[in-house]
């Protein structure tokens, strides 16, 4: 309770003041002591930093001294190396300069020698020119003297001959012209003979090479289509009641069916080989099927016709691929396929066309021409035969007109139309096709004809050869490839004999049909016989 009185409070206030003063003093003393401690510590750190800095400066100075000394040593080393290099380069340059100086001195010596030689040659040339001038003056004098002498001799000759100068000139020119004409004729005859011999030899070699490079099959196909009938009962079914089946068959297929007494055979006859092949297959299919009536005939005909047309196109494609010919139109391929069923003298026309194509290439290669173009001309040369029974005209013209629609080259068109000589040849490929066509037709086994036709052709050939006046005998030899004609030497001279050979050849071309070529040889023999007794 005393502490709550004023005196108590006053006494308590005085104690607090003392405490506060004491605390303030203690704090002030602490701050002073702390400041002094911090200052002392900072001075210590500063001294340590100064000493460390002094040490680092000393270390850096020592390292710098070492680096400077190392750099000086390196610089001195590089300097010494540079001096050595300069000394070596200087030595090389001095050696090169000495070598160059030596070469220049040698060249100078050579030049001086050449100058001396040139001076000597100039003196010789001047001397030669002087001698030439003297010779020219001498020749000019001699020429003038010869000219005067020639004029004097000419005047003497004119006085002796009694002719004027123009007359003498004309006489000399006439004699010279006659002599030159004779010599030129002899030279032309010699060159023509040599050219003929060389052309004949080269043509033989080219022909033989082409034949040897191609080996074709022998002809073996026939132009007669026959169908085997298993029995007479089947033959009656083919004919049908009152012949209705056979009439329907002929009407649909467009062929003639010959049913005779020959057992087991029915003959199918038609000019169109493709139509004949369709009819043959149709008849065989009907016999196998057994159902033979007009409706079935029409149904099978449409089916077989489509099959044959596809086979024709396929055959044309195979022929083009085998001959390595591209760019052919579908219509051309179809006609090539139709040639498979076309024959000429027993020779298959498609195989003949392929053979001619290969022979054309062989001949063109020998002559340095385009073998691919020649092969195309040969393959297409008989394409008109596929439709020559449908279109009026010869097969060369038909084939050329047909191929013209498909933008064939002019060389191909000329070869197709001119391979029988119907038109003039405008390219070298046309005579090549003509030669290859003759080779393919004339080679042994290429074509076939009956014995009767063969004998008939030989008789016709001999009869034509015996028609001209003065012919004594005519003999067909070499299987009809040559006709030997013997004339009467008293009635026929050499010029008439040549005319007879040309006339016979022309008549053979006009009147006969034959493969290849026929040589006409006219023999005129004069025999002089005397007896010495």
Protein backbone atom coordinates (compact mmCIF):
# COMPACT_ATOMS: atom_id res chain seq x y z
CA UNK A 1 0.00 0.00 0.00
CA UNK A 2 3.00 2.29 0.59
CA UNK A 3 4.04 2.05 -2.91
CA UNK A 4 0.85 3.70 -3.98
CA UNK A 5 1.42 6.80 -2.00
CA UNK A 6 3.06 9.88 -3.55
CA UNK A 7 6.25 9.39 -1.65
CA UNK A 8 6.34 5.81 -2.72
CA UNK A 9 5.78 6.76 -6.32
CA UNK A 10 8.48 9.41 -6.14
CA UNK A 11 10.97 6.97 -4.66
CA UNK A 12 10.04 4.44 -7.34
CA UNK A 13 10.51 7.13 -10.07
CA UNK A 14 13.97 7.94 -8.90
CA UNK A 15 14.99 4.30 -9.02
CA UNK A 16 13.79 4.03 -12.66
CA UNK A 17 15.78 7.09 -13.68
CA UNK A 18 18.89 5.63 -12.23
CA UNK A 19 18.26 2.44 -14.05
CA UNK A 20 17.71 4.28 -17.30
CA UNK A 21 20.84 6.40 -16.87
CA UNK A 22 22.81 3.32 -16.00
CA UNK A 23 21.46 1.45 -19.05
CA UNK A 24 22.22 4.42 -21.29
CA UNK A 25 25.73 4.59 -20.03
CA UNK A 26 26.27 0.91 -20.48
CA UNK A 27 24.96 1.19 -24.01
CA UNK A 28 27.20 4.15 -24.75
CA UNK A 29 30.22 2.36 -23.37
CA UNK A 30 29.29 -0.72 -25.42
CA UNK A 31 28.98 1.33 -28.54
CA UNK A 32 32.34 2.96 -27.97
CA UNK A 33 33.93 -0.36 -27.27
CA UNK A 34 32.22 -1.86 -30.33
CA UNK A 35 33.29 1.03 -32.54
CA UNK A 36 36.83 0.74 -31.31
CA UNK A 37 36.70 -3.06 -31.86
CA UNK A 38 35.29 -2.66 -35.34
CA UNK A 39 37.85 -0.02 -36.22
CA UNK A 40 40.62 -2.18 -34.90
CA UNK A 41 39.32 -5.15 -36.86
CA UNK A 42 38.95 -3.06 -40.00
CA UNK A 43 42.48 -1.74 -39.59
CA UNK A 44 43.70 -5.28 -39.14
CA UNK A 45 41.87 -6.42 -42.27
CA UNK A 46 43.19 -3.40 -44.15
CA UNK A 47 46.71 -4.18 -43.10
CA UNK A 48 46.20 -7.80 -44.13
CA UNK A 49 44.76 -6.71 -47.49
CA UNK A 50 47.65 -4.31 -48.05
CA UNK A 51 50.15 -7.02 -47.22
CA UNK A 52 48.30 -9.49 -49.53
CA UNK A 53 48.21 -6.90 -52.31
CA UNK A 54 51.90 -6.23 -51.81
CA UNK A 55 52.54 -9.97 -52.02
CA UNK A 56 50.40 -10.35 -55.17
CA UNK A 57 52.15 -7.39 -56.78
CA UNK A 58 55.45 -8.97 -55.99
CA UNK A 59 54.32 -12.32 -57.45
CA UNK A 60 52.93 -10.59 -60.54
CA UNK A 61 56.13 -8.63 -60.93
CA UNK A 62 58.18 -11.81 -60.74
CA UNK A 63 55.89 -13.58 -63.23
CA UNK A 64 56.07 -10.56 -65.53
CA UNK A 65 59.84 -10.61 -65.31
CA UNK A 66 59.82 -14.33 -66.20
CA UNK A 67 57.41 -13.76 -69.10
CA UNK A 68 59.50 -10.87 -70.41
CA UNK A 69 62.64 -12.93 -70.22
CA UNK A 70 60.87 -15.87 -71.98
CA UNK A 71 59.55 -13.54 -74.68
CA UNK A 72 62.99 -12.06 -75.17
CA UNK A 73 64.46 -15.55 -75.52
CA UNK A 74 61.72 -16.57 -78.00
CA UNK A 75 62.17 -13.36 -79.95
CA UNK A 76 65.89 -13.90 -80.16
CA UNK A 77 65.29 -17.51 -81.30
CA UNK A 78 62.82 -16.42 -84.03
CA UNK A 79 65.19 -13.68 -85.05
CA UNK A 80 68.01 -16.17 -85.43
CA UNK A 81 65.74 -18.51 -87.40
CA UNK A 82 64.67 -15.65 -89.66
CA UNK A 83 68.29 -14.75 -90.25
CA UNK A 84 69.10 -18.35 -91.15
CA UNK A 85 66.11 -18.52 -93.52
CA UNK A 86 67.08 -15.23 -95.14
CA UNK A 87 70.63 -16.45 -95.55
CA UNK A 88 69.34 -19.72 -97.18
CA UNK A 89 66.96 -17.83 -99.49
CA UNK A 90 69.71 -15.40 -100.35
CA UNK A 91 71.99 -18.30 -101.22
CA UNK A 92 69.28 -19.90 -103.45
CA UNK A 93 68.56 -16.59 -105.16
CA UNK A 94 72.27 -16.02 -105.76
CA UNK A 95 72.49 -19.56 -107.25
CA UNK A 96 69.44 -18.91 -109.46
CA UNK A 97 70.84 -15.58 -110.56
CA UNK A 98 74.12 -17.26 -111.44
CA UNK A 99 72.27 -20.02 -113.40
CA UNK A 100 70.16 -17.43 -115.19
CA UNK A 101 73.23 -15.40 -115.98
CA UNK A 102 74.92 -18.55 -117.33
CA UNK A 103 71.92 -19.38 -119.56
CA UNK A 104 71.74 -15.82 -120.81
CA UNK A 105 75.41 -15.89 -121.67
CA UNK A 106 74.92 -19.20 -123.52
CA UNK A 107 71.86 -17.86 -125.33
CA UNK A 108 73.76 -14.76 -126.25
CA UNK A 109 76.52 -16.94 -127.71
CA UNK A 110 73.94 -18.94 -129.68
CA UNK A 111 72.29 -15.76 -130.89
CA UNK A 112 75.59 -14.42 -132.08
CA UNK A 113 76.21 -17.69 -133.93
CA UNK A 114 72.77 -17.51 -135.54
CA UNK A 115 73.35 -13.91 -136.51
CA UNK A 116 76.58 -14.95 -138.18
CA UNK A 117 74.78 -17.80 -139.97
CA UNK A 118 71.98 -15.44 -141.02
CA UNK A 119 74.48 -12.95 -142.35
CA UNK A 120 76.12 -15.75 -144.34
CA UNK A 121 72.73 -16.86 -145.71
CA UNK A 122 71.84 -13.29 -146.64
CA UNK A 123 75.07 -13.03 -148.59
CA UNK A 124 74.29 -16.34 -150.30
CA UNK A 125 70.75 -15.19 -151.11
CA UNK A 126 72.02 -11.94 -152.55
CA UNK A 127 74.50 -13.90 -154.64
CA UNK A 128 71.75 -16.30 -155.76
CA UNK A 129 69.42 -13.43 -156.63
CA UNK A 130 72.15 -11.87 -158.69
CA UNK A 131 72.71 -15.18 -160.49
CA UNK A 132 68.93 -15.58 -160.99
CA UNK A 133 68.68 -12.12 -162.49
CA UNK A 134 71.47 -12.99 -164.89
CA UNK A 135 69.73 -16.29 -165.77
CA UNK A 136 66.38 -14.54 -166.30
CA UNK A 137 68.01 -12.04 -168.64
CA UNK A 138 69.62 -14.93 -170.47
CA UNK A 139 66.31 -16.86 -170.65
CA UNK A 140 64.47 -13.76 -171.84
CA UNK A 141 67.00 -13.42 -174.63
CA UNK A 142 66.65 -17.10 -175.53
CA UNK A 143 62.85 -16.84 -175.41
CA UNK A 144 62.90 -13.91 -177.77
CA UNK A 145 65.24 -15.78 -180.05
CA UNK A 146 63.01 -18.89 -179.91
CA UNK A 147 59.95 -16.77 -180.62
CA UNK A 148 61.58 -15.27 -183.68
CA UNK A 149 62.77 -18.72 -184.77
CA UNK A 150 59.27 -20.17 -184.29
CA UNK A 151 57.72 -17.38 -186.31
CA UNK A 152 60.25 -17.94 -189.04
CA UNK A 153 59.58 -21.72 -189.06
CA UNK A 154 55.83 -21.12 -189.07
CA UNK A 155 56.12 -18.87 -192.08
CA UNK A 156 58.25 -21.49 -193.83
CA UNK A 157 55.68 -24.25 -193.04
CA UNK A 158 52.83 -22.06 -194.28
CA UNK A 159 54.70 -21.37 -197.52
CA UNK A 160 55.48 -25.07 -197.99
CA UNK A 161 51.94 -26.36 -197.12
CA UNK A 162 50.14 -23.62 -198.97
CA UNK A 163 47.66 -23.16 -196.05
CA UNK A 164 46.85 -20.11 -194.03
CA UNK A 165 47.35 -19.94 -190.30
CA UNK A 166 43.62 -20.38 -189.54
CA UNK A 167 43.40 -23.42 -191.80
CA UNK A 168 46.40 -25.04 -190.14
CA UNK A 169 44.94 -24.31 -186.69
CA UNK A 170 41.61 -25.88 -187.63
CA UNK A 171 43.37 -28.97 -189.00
CA UNK A 172 45.44 -29.43 -185.83
CA UNK A 173 42.40 -28.87 -183.59
CA UNK A 174 40.38 -31.41 -185.58
CA UNK A 175 43.10 -34.03 -185.25
CA UNK A 176 43.43 -33.26 -181.53
CA UNK A 177 39.67 -33.46 -181.03
CA UNK A 178 39.49 -36.81 -182.80
CA UNK A 179 42.34 -38.20 -180.71
CA UNK A 180 40.81 -36.93 -177.47
CA UNK A 181 37.41 -38.35 -178.43
CA UNK A 182 38.92 -41.78 -179.03
CA UNK A 183 40.89 -41.71 -175.77
CA UNK A 184 37.85 -40.51 -173.77
CA UNK A 185 35.70 -43.27 -175.28
CA UNK A 186 38.30 -45.86 -174.34
CA UNK A 187 38.54 -44.40 -170.83
CA UNK A 188 34.75 -44.33 -170.40
CA UNK A 189 34.43 -47.91 -171.65
CA UNK A 190 37.18 -49.02 -169.28
CA UNK A 191 35.60 -47.25 -166.32
CA UNK A 192 32.12 -48.59 -167.13
CA UNK A 193 33.47 -52.12 -167.42
CA UNK A 194 35.33 -51.79 -164.13
CA UNK A 195 32.24 -50.31 -162.44
CA UNK A 196 30.06 -53.15 -163.73
CA UNK A 197 32.51 -55.78 -162.54
CA UNK A 198 32.80 -54.15 -159.12
CA UNK A 199 29.01 -53.68 -158.82
CA UNK A 200 28.41 -57.30 -159.83
CA UNK A 201 30.95 -58.58 -157.33
CA UNK A 202 29.63 -56.36 -154.52
CA UNK A 203 26.02 -57.29 -155.27
CA UNK A 204 26.90 -61.00 -155.16
CA UNK A 205 28.69 -60.57 -151.83
CA UNK A 206 25.84 -58.54 -150.31
CA UNK A 207 23.22 -61.00 -151.56
CA UNK A 208 25.13 -64.03 -150.32
CA UNK A 209 25.76 -62.36 -146.96
CA UNK A 210 22.05 -61.53 -146.58
CA UNK A 211 21.02 -65.09 -147.49
CA UNK A 212 23.53 -66.64 -145.10
CA UNK A 213 22.46 -64.38 -142.23
CA UNK A 214 18.85 -65.55 -142.48
CA UNK A 215 17.70 -69.16 -142.38
CA UNK A 216 13.99 -69.48 -143.08
CA UNK A 217 11.75 -72.53 -143.01
CA UNK A 218 10.80 -74.48 -146.11
CA UNK A 219 7.27 -74.09 -147.37
CA UNK A 220 4.95 -76.71 -145.98
CA UNK A 221 1.45 -75.23 -145.84
CA UNK A 222 -1.41 -76.09 -148.19
CA UNK A 223 -4.21 -74.00 -149.62
CA UNK A 224 -6.84 -76.75 -149.24
CA UNK A 225 -8.90 -76.91 -146.01
CA UNK A 226 -10.39 -80.28 -145.17
CA UNK A 227 -12.36 -81.43 -142.14
CA UNK A 228 -12.46 -85.04 -141.01
CA UNK A 229 -15.91 -86.55 -140.47
CA UNK A 230 -16.03 -89.48 -138.01
CA UNK A 231 -18.87 -91.29 -139.79
CA UNK A 232 -21.33 -91.12 -142.66
CA UNK A 233 -24.08 -90.53 -140.14
CA UNK A 234 -22.33 -87.32 -139.00
CA UNK A 235 -21.90 -86.33 -142.65
CA UNK A 236 -25.66 -86.64 -143.05
CA UNK A 237 -26.23 -84.49 -139.98
CA UNK A 238 -23.92 -81.85 -141.44
CA UNK A 239 -26.00 -81.81 -144.61
CA UNK A 240 -29.26 -81.73 -142.63
CA UNK A 241 -32.80 -82.41 -143.70
CA UNK A 242 -33.13 -81.46 -147.35
CA UNK A 243 -29.73 -79.71 -147.01
CA UNK A 244 -30.89 -76.97 -144.62
CA UNK A 245 -27.85 -77.22 -142.33
CA UNK A 246 -25.30 -77.01 -145.11
CA UNK A 247 -27.20 -74.10 -146.75
CA UNK A 248 -27.27 -72.24 -143.42
CA UNK A 249 -23.58 -73.00 -142.93
CA UNK A 250 -22.64 -71.64 -146.37
CA UNK A 251 -24.83 -68.58 -145.93
CA UNK A 252 -23.38 -67.65 -142.54
CA UNK A 253 -19.72 -68.42 -143.28
CA UNK A 254 -19.61 -67.37 -146.93
CA UNK A 255 -17.78 -70.51 -148.11
CA UNK A 256 -18.58 -73.51 -150.27
CA UNK A 257 -18.82 -76.89 -148.56
CA UNK A 258 -18.06 -79.82 -150.84
CA UNK A 259 -19.50 -83.11 -149.63
CA UNK A 260 -18.69 -85.89 -152.09
CA UNK A 261 -18.25 -89.64 -151.97
CA UNK A 262 -14.80 -89.37 -150.36
CA UNK A 263 -15.19 -91.13 -147.04
CA UNK A 264 -14.45 -89.25 -143.83
CA UNK A 265 -13.67 -85.86 -145.46
CA UNK A 266 -15.57 -82.63 -146.11
CA UNK A 267 -13.81 -79.93 -148.15
CA UNK A 268 -14.21 -76.24 -147.29
CA UNK A 269 -13.55 -73.95 -150.27
CA UNK A 270 -13.28 -70.14 -150.20
CA UNK A 271 -11.12 -67.53 -151.86
CA UNK A 272 -10.72 -65.60 -148.59
CA UNK A 273 -8.26 -67.63 -146.44
CA UNK A 274 -9.49 -66.09 -143.18
CA UNK A 275 -13.08 -66.89 -144.02
CA UNK A 276 -12.03 -70.43 -144.94
CA UNK A 277 -10.23 -70.83 -141.58
CA UNK A 278 -13.31 -69.59 -139.68
CA UNK A 279 -15.48 -72.05 -141.59
CA UNK A 280 -13.10 -74.92 -140.92
CA UNK A 281 -13.08 -74.24 -137.18
CA UNK A 282 -16.85 -73.79 -137.19
CA UNK A 283 -17.39 -77.16 -138.84
CA UNK A 284 -14.98 -78.90 -136.44
CA UNK A 285 -16.69 -77.27 -133.44
CA UNK A 286 -20.12 -78.34 -134.71
CA UNK A 287 -18.95 -81.93 -135.16
CA UNK A 288 -17.51 -81.99 -131.65
CA UNK A 289 -20.63 -80.41 -130.18
CA UNK A 290 -23.03 -82.68 -132.03
CA UNK A 291 -25.81 -80.08 -132.06
CA UNK A 292 -26.05 -79.09 -135.72
CA UNK A 293 -28.90 -76.77 -136.67
CA UNK A 294 -29.10 -73.24 -138.17
CA UNK A 295 -29.42 -71.45 -134.82
CA UNK A 296 -26.39 -73.22 -133.33
CA UNK A 297 -24.44 -72.56 -136.53
CA UNK A 298 -25.04 -68.80 -136.27
CA UNK A 299 -24.21 -68.74 -132.55
CA UNK A 300 -20.90 -70.60 -132.97
CA UNK A 301 -19.99 -68.55 -136.04
CA UNK A 302 -20.09 -65.26 -134.07
CA UNK A 303 -18.02 -66.81 -131.29
CA UNK A 304 -15.39 -68.34 -133.58
CA UNK A 305 -15.14 -65.20 -135.72
CA UNK A 306 -14.32 -63.16 -132.62
CA UNK A 307 -11.69 -65.73 -131.57
CA UNK A 308 -10.06 -65.70 -135.01
CA UNK A 309 -10.00 -61.89 -135.13
CA UNK A 310 -8.25 -61.82 -131.76
CA UNK A 311 -5.77 -64.44 -132.98
CA UNK A 312 -5.10 -62.38 -136.12
CA UNK A 313 -4.34 -59.30 -134.04
CA UNK A 314 -2.14 -61.37 -131.74
CA UNK A 315 -0.28 -62.86 -134.73
CA UNK A 316 0.30 -59.37 -136.14
CA UNK A 317 1.65 -58.16 -132.80
CA UNK A 318 3.96 -61.18 -132.51
CA UNK A 319 5.28 -60.59 -136.03
CA UNK A 320 5.92 -56.90 -135.25
CA UNK A 321 7.68 -57.79 -131.99
CA UNK A 322 9.79 -60.48 -133.66
CA UNK A 323 10.77 -58.06 -136.42
CA UNK A 324 11.35 -55.33 -133.76
CA UNK A 325 9.02 -52.90 -135.55
CA UNK A 326 7.11 -50.40 -133.41
CA UNK A 327 4.52 -47.72 -134.02
CA UNK A 328 2.18 -49.84 -136.16
CA UNK A 329 -1.53 -49.07 -136.07
CA UNK A 330 -4.02 -51.67 -134.89
CA UNK A 331 -5.42 -51.98 -138.42
CA UNK A 332 -1.95 -52.67 -139.80
CA UNK A 333 -1.37 -55.34 -137.15
CA UNK A 334 -4.70 -56.95 -138.07
CA UNK A 335 -3.76 -57.11 -141.75
CA UNK A 336 -0.36 -58.57 -140.88
CA UNK A 337 -2.17 -61.25 -138.90
CA UNK A 338 -4.43 -61.99 -141.89
CA UNK A 339 -1.32 -62.74 -143.95
CA UNK A 340 -0.81 -65.81 -141.73
CA UNK A 341 -3.56 -67.56 -143.70
CA UNK A 342 -2.48 -66.17 -147.09
CA UNK A 343 -0.13 -68.19 -149.31
CA UNK A 344 1.70 -67.44 -152.56
CA UNK A 345 3.03 -70.41 -154.51
CA UNK A 346 2.69 -72.39 -151.29
CA UNK A 347 4.75 -69.83 -149.33
CA UNK A 348 3.16 -68.32 -146.22
CA UNK A 349 2.94 -64.57 -146.90
CA UNK A 350 3.43 -63.52 -143.25
CA UNK A 351 6.60 -65.58 -142.91
CA UNK A 352 7.68 -64.34 -146.34
CA UNK A 353 7.17 -60.70 -145.21
CA UNK A 354 9.19 -61.27 -142.03
CA UNK A 355 11.90 -63.00 -144.06
CA UNK A 356 12.02 -60.09 -146.52
CA UNK A 357 12.25 -57.67 -143.57
CA UNK A 358 15.28 -59.44 -142.11
CA UNK A 359 16.93 -59.70 -145.54
CA UNK A 360 16.33 -55.97 -146.12
CA UNK A 361 18.04 -55.16 -142.84
CA UNK A 362 21.02 -57.38 -143.72
CA UNK A 363 21.42 -55.70 -147.13
CA UNK A 364 20.94 -52.19 -145.69
CA UNK A 365 23.54 -52.87 -142.99
CA UNK A 366 26.02 -53.96 -145.66
CA UNK A 367 25.33 -50.72 -147.60
CA UNK A 368 25.54 -48.46 -144.52
CA UNK A 369 21.82 -47.51 -144.58
CA UNK A 370 19.17 -47.50 -141.85
CA UNK A 371 18.55 -51.19 -141.13
CA UNK A 372 15.47 -50.50 -138.97
CA UNK A 373 13.75 -48.53 -141.74
CA UNK A 374 14.66 -51.20 -144.31
CA UNK A 375 13.18 -53.90 -142.03
CA UNK A 376 9.94 -51.90 -141.77
CA UNK A 377 9.74 -51.59 -145.56
CA UNK A 378 10.28 -55.33 -145.96
CA UNK A 379 7.71 -56.33 -143.34
CA UNK A 380 4.96 -54.15 -144.86
CA UNK A 381 5.72 -54.68 -148.56
CA UNK A 382 3.02 -57.37 -149.11
CA UNK A 383 0.42 -56.05 -146.66
CA UNK A 384 -1.93 -55.37 -149.57
CA UNK A 385 -2.30 -59.12 -150.16
CA UNK A 386 -4.45 -59.31 -147.02
CA UNK A 387 -7.25 -57.35 -148.73
CA UNK A 388 -6.48 -57.69 -152.47
CA UNK A 389 -9.59 -59.88 -152.88
CA UNK A 390 -11.74 -57.12 -151.34
CA UNK A 391 -10.26 -54.03 -153.06
CA UNK A 392 -9.77 -53.59 -156.78
CA UNK A 393 -6.20 -53.27 -158.01
CA UNK A 394 -2.81 -54.85 -157.46
CA UNK A 395 -1.56 -55.56 -153.96
CA UNK A 396 1.37 -53.03 -154.14
CA UNK A 397 -1.02 -50.13 -154.83
CA UNK A 398 -3.58 -51.42 -152.30
CA UNK A 399 -0.92 -51.77 -149.59
CA UNK A 400 0.57 -48.31 -150.24
CA UNK A 401 -2.86 -46.62 -150.15
CA UNK A 402 -3.73 -48.47 -146.94
CA UNK A 403 -0.48 -47.53 -145.14
CA UNK A 404 -0.72 -43.93 -146.35
CA UNK A 405 -3.75 -43.50 -144.06
CA UNK A 406 -1.52 -44.18 -141.06
CA UNK A 407 1.17 -41.60 -141.97
CA UNK A 408 3.89 -44.03 -142.99
CA UNK A 409 7.13 -42.49 -144.25
CA UNK A 410 7.55 -41.82 -147.96
CA UNK A 411 10.37 -44.40 -148.17
CA UNK A 412 8.05 -47.11 -146.83
CA UNK A 413 5.20 -46.14 -149.18
CA UNK A 414 7.49 -46.13 -152.22
CA UNK A 415 8.93 -49.52 -151.25
CA UNK A 416 5.43 -51.02 -150.87
CA UNK A 417 4.09 -49.65 -154.16
CA UNK A 418 7.28 -50.06 -156.18
CA UNK A 419 8.63 -53.46 -155.08
CA UNK A 420 7.33 -54.98 -158.35
CA UNK A 421 8.58 -52.09 -160.49
CA UNK A 422 5.12 -50.54 -160.94
CA UNK A 423 6.44 -47.04 -160.12
CA UNK A 424 9.95 -45.49 -160.21
CA UNK A 425 12.07 -45.87 -157.10
CA UNK A 426 12.55 -42.65 -155.15
CA UNK A 427 14.66 -44.09 -152.30
CA UNK A 428 17.40 -46.73 -152.01
CA UNK A 429 15.12 -48.90 -149.87
CA UNK A 430 12.82 -49.80 -152.78
CA UNK A 431 15.45 -51.75 -154.79
CA UNK A 432 16.56 -53.35 -151.52
CA UNK A 433 13.01 -54.64 -150.95
CA UNK A 434 12.87 -55.83 -154.58
CA UNK A 435 16.13 -57.77 -154.12
CA UNK A 436 15.07 -59.24 -150.77
CA UNK A 437 11.66 -60.22 -152.21
CA UNK A 438 13.38 -62.04 -155.09
CA UNK A 439 15.80 -63.78 -152.70
CA UNK A 440 12.97 -64.98 -150.45
CA UNK A 441 10.93 -66.23 -153.42
CA UNK A 442 13.80 -67.84 -155.32
CA UNK A 443 15.69 -69.56 -152.50
CA UNK A 444 15.46 -73.37 -152.46
CA UNK A 445 12.39 -74.51 -150.53
CA UNK A 446 10.96 -71.01 -150.43
CA UNK A 447 8.03 -71.68 -152.74
CA UNK A 448 6.26 -74.72 -154.04
CA UNK A 449 4.28 -75.47 -157.15
CA UNK A 450 2.81 -78.62 -158.57
CA UNK A 451 4.74 -80.71 -161.06
CA UNK A 452 2.13 -80.10 -163.73
CA UNK A 453 2.27 -76.32 -163.28
CA UNK A 454 6.07 -76.45 -163.21
CA UNK A 455 6.24 -78.36 -166.49
CA UNK A 456 3.63 -76.08 -168.03
CA UNK A 457 5.63 -73.00 -167.05
CA UNK A 458 8.82 -74.40 -168.58
CA UNK A 459 7.03 -75.29 -171.84
CA UNK A 460 5.52 -71.79 -172.00
CA UNK A 461 8.92 -70.29 -171.37
CA UNK A 462 10.54 -72.26 -174.19
CA UNK A 463 7.65 -71.49 -176.58
CA UNK A 464 8.01 -67.75 -175.96
CA UNK A 465 11.76 -67.95 -176.55
CA UNK A 466 11.30 -69.76 -179.91
CA UNK A 467 8.94 -67.14 -181.39
CA UNK A 468 11.51 -64.59 -182.76
CA UNK A 469 12.90 -65.09 -186.28
CA UNK A 470 16.33 -66.70 -186.41
CA UNK A 471 15.98 -68.75 -183.20
CA UNK A 472 17.03 -72.39 -183.65
CA UNK A 473 16.62 -73.85 -180.13
CA UNK A 474 15.58 -72.71 -176.65
CA UNK A 475 16.19 -74.56 -173.39
CA UNK A 476 14.83 -73.70 -169.92
CA UNK A 477 17.46 -74.49 -167.28
CA UNK A 478 18.04 -73.97 -163.55
CA UNK A 479 14.42 -74.82 -162.68
CA UNK A 480 13.13 -72.14 -165.01
CA UNK A 481 15.35 -69.38 -163.66
CA UNK A 482 17.21 -69.07 -166.97
CA UNK A 483 16.38 -69.62 -170.65
CA UNK A 484 19.19 -70.39 -173.11
CA UNK A 485 18.39 -69.33 -176.70
CA UNK A 486 20.54 -70.50 -179.64
CA UNK A 487 20.22 -68.39 -182.81
CA UNK A 488 21.36 -68.96 -186.38
CA UNK A 489 24.65 -67.11 -186.82
CA UNK A 490 24.03 -66.65 -190.56
CA UNK A 491 20.69 -64.93 -190.13
CA UNK A 492 21.31 -63.06 -186.85
CA UNK A 493 24.21 -60.70 -186.13
CA UNK A 494 25.35 -59.39 -182.71
CA UNK A 495 23.06 -56.36 -182.62
CA UNK A 496 20.01 -58.45 -183.60
CA UNK A 497 20.94 -61.04 -180.92
CA UNK A 498 20.86 -58.32 -178.26
CA UNK A 499 17.45 -57.17 -179.54
CA UNK A 500 16.12 -60.76 -179.45
CA UNK A 501 17.15 -61.14 -175.79
CA UNK A 502 15.35 -57.91 -174.86
CA UNK A 503 12.21 -58.88 -176.84
CA UNK A 504 12.05 -62.33 -175.20
CA UNK A 505 12.47 -60.84 -171.71
CA UNK A 506 9.70 -58.33 -172.42
CA UNK A 507 7.31 -61.05 -173.64
CA UNK A 508 8.05 -63.19 -170.57
CA UNK A 509 7.21 -60.26 -168.30
CA UNK A 510 3.94 -59.61 -170.17
CA UNK A 511 2.69 -63.17 -170.60
CA UNK A 512 3.95 -65.19 -167.63
CA UNK A 513 3.58 -65.20 -163.85
CA UNK A 514 6.68 -66.41 -162.03
CA UNK A 515 8.57 -65.83 -158.78
CA UNK A 516 11.86 -63.95 -158.79
CA UNK A 517 13.72 -63.28 -162.04
CA UNK A 518 14.38 -65.16 -165.29
CA UNK A 519 17.65 -64.61 -167.16
CA UNK A 520 17.52 -64.67 -170.95
CA UNK A 521 20.82 -65.70 -172.56
CA UNK A 522 21.11 -65.58 -176.37
CA UNK A 523 24.00 -67.60 -177.86
CA UNK A 524 25.32 -66.87 -181.36
CA UNK A 525 28.12 -69.18 -182.43
CA UNK A 526 30.17 -68.98 -185.62
CA UNK A 527 32.22 -72.04 -186.55
CA UNK A 528 34.88 -71.93 -189.25
CA UNK A 529 36.15 -75.36 -190.32
CA UNK A 530 38.94 -75.99 -192.83
CA UNK A 531 40.70 -79.19 -193.84
CA UNK A 532 44.44 -79.29 -194.42
CA UNK A 533 45.57 -82.00 -196.85
